[in-house]
Amino acid sequence: MRQSQAAVLERYRVLRGDFTTEPFEAGWAGEARWFVQVLETSQPSTRLVVTTQLSPDGLHWCDAEVETQVAEGTTILTWPVREFGQWLRIRGTVEDEGSAKVQIYLTLKE
């Protein structure tokens, strides 16, 4: 039987400008999937731009070789990450000097 885990990294957090999530150690997992749910934005034109980052130690980060994700308005984004090493997090920006209330989940499978 495969092992799995779901982690809620942000719950009802209001984001402004540049941000990163807390790092999550996931070296045991063979695959991961992000879910970013935008619950509300300060303006209809507010965009949330996010990318996955990887780290060997939870201290030093680089962007993963996955596409940058863009959310406009209230929506939910999801994308897979494979061959990621040890640590994962999201780096992002809320554009147009706006804000976005989000929930961010990371699901992992062995």
Protein backbone atom coordinates (compact mmCIF):
# COMPACT_ATOMS: atom_id res chain seq x y z
CA MET A 1 0.00 0.00 0.00
CA ARG A 2 1.31 3.43 -0.94
CA GLN A 3 1.89 6.07 1.73
CA SER A 4 0.32 9.51 1.30
CA GLN A 5 0.15 12.78 3.18
CA ALA A 6 -1.73 16.04 2.77
CA ALA A 7 -0.37 19.22 4.33
CA VAL A 8 -2.16 22.55 4.67
CA LEU A 9 0.61 25.14 4.38
CA GLU A 10 -1.58 28.25 4.32
CA ARG A 11 -5.15 28.60 5.56
CA TYR A 12 -7.06 31.82 4.84
CA ARG A 13 -3.80 33.77 4.59
CA VAL A 14 -3.94 37.21 2.97
CA LEU A 15 -0.95 37.64 0.67
CA ARG A 16 0.52 40.92 -0.61
CA GLY A 17 3.59 41.45 -2.79
CA ASP A 18 6.31 38.77 -2.76
CA PHE A 19 5.93 35.74 -0.49
CA THR A 20 7.14 32.19 0.17
CA THR A 21 5.42 29.37 2.01
CA GLU A 22 7.03 27.53 4.88
CA PRO A 23 9.40 24.80 3.66
CA PHE A 24 8.09 21.24 3.75
CA GLU A 25 10.37 18.21 3.99
CA ALA A 26 9.19 15.60 1.50
CA GLY A 27 12.22 13.46 0.63
CA TRP A 28 10.33 10.21 1.26
CA ALA A 29 7.73 10.99 -1.43
CA GLY A 30 7.99 10.05 -5.09
CA GLU A 31 5.45 12.60 -6.27
CA ALA A 32 3.85 15.79 -5.06
CA ARG A 33 0.96 17.99 -6.14
CA TRP A 34 0.27 21.60 -5.18
CA PHE A 35 -3.22 23.06 -4.78
CA VAL A 36 -3.50 26.84 -4.50
CA GLN A 37 -7.03 28.06 -3.90
CA VAL A 38 -7.64 31.79 -4.31
CA LEU A 39 -10.67 32.60 -2.16
CA GLU A 40 -10.85 36.35 -2.81
CA THR A 41 -8.82 39.17 -4.30
CA SER A 42 -8.79 42.88 -3.54
CA GLN A 43 -9.40 43.78 -7.20
CA PRO A 44 -10.74 41.76 -10.14
CA SER A 45 -7.45 42.38 -12.03
CA THR A 46 -5.24 41.04 -9.22
CA ARG A 47 -3.02 38.19 -10.39
CA LEU A 48 -1.22 35.62 -8.25
CA VAL A 49 1.96 34.23 -9.87
CA VAL A 50 3.56 31.19 -8.18
CA THR A 51 6.35 28.71 -8.83
CA THR A 52 7.66 25.64 -7.05
CA GLN A 53 11.05 25.87 -5.37
CA LEU A 54 13.35 23.01 -4.33
CA SER A 55 16.06 22.74 -1.71
CA PRO A 56 18.53 20.07 -0.56
CA ASP A 57 18.61 21.42 3.00
CA GLY A 58 15.60 23.71 3.58
CA LEU A 59 17.88 26.77 3.58
CA HIS A 60 19.04 27.34 -0.01
CA TRP A 61 16.42 27.44 -2.77
CA CYS A 62 16.13 27.25 -6.56
CA ASP A 63 13.16 27.21 -8.91
CA ALA A 64 11.98 23.78 -10.04
CA GLU A 65 11.81 22.86 -13.72
CA VAL A 66 8.02 23.28 -13.80
CA GLU A 67 5.87 25.98 -15.37
CA THR A 68 5.04 29.12 -13.43
CA GLN A 69 1.35 29.14 -12.50
CA VAL A 70 -0.89 32.23 -12.80
CA ALA A 71 -4.24 32.74 -11.09
CA GLU A 72 -6.62 35.53 -12.00
CA GLY A 73 -9.63 36.07 -9.78
CA THR A 74 -11.04 33.35 -7.53
CA THR A 75 -9.93 29.94 -8.74
CA ILE A 76 -7.98 26.86 -7.77
CA LEU A 77 -4.66 25.94 -9.39
CA THR A 78 -3.02 22.54 -9.26
CA TRP A 79 0.19 21.13 -10.72
CA PRO A 80 2.42 18.09 -10.18
CA VAL A 81 6.07 18.02 -9.12
CA ARG A 82 8.36 15.01 -9.56
CA GLU A 83 12.06 14.34 -8.95
CA PHE A 84 12.27 17.14 -6.40
CA GLY A 85 14.83 15.93 -3.89
CA GLN A 86 14.22 16.79 -0.25
CA TRP A 87 12.38 20.09 0.45
CA LEU A 88 9.53 21.94 -1.30
CA ARG A 89 7.96 25.38 -1.04
CA ILE A 90 6.16 27.93 -3.20
CA ARG A 91 7.57 31.35 -4.13
CA GLY A 92 5.08 33.85 -5.46
CA THR A 93 3.94 37.39 -6.07
CA VAL A 94 0.59 39.12 -5.81
CA GLU A 95 0.67 41.67 -8.62
CA ASP A 96 -0.89 45.15 -9.02
CA GLU A 97 -0.36 46.09 -5.35
CA GLY A 98 -3.39 43.96 -4.57
CA SER A 99 -4.02 41.19 -2.09
CA ALA A 100 -5.28 37.64 -2.31
CA LYS A 101 -6.74 35.40 0.39
CA VAL A 102 -5.55 31.84 -0.24
CA GLN A 103 -5.39 28.28 0.98
CA ILE A 104 -2.33 26.27 -0.09
CA TYR A 105 -2.14 22.49 0.13
CA LEU A 106 0.68 20.07 -0.66
CA THR A 107 -0.19 16.41 -1.24
CA LEU A 108 2.51 13.73 -1.30
CA LYS A 109 2.62 10.05 -2.31
CA GLU A 110 5.30 7.42 -1.95
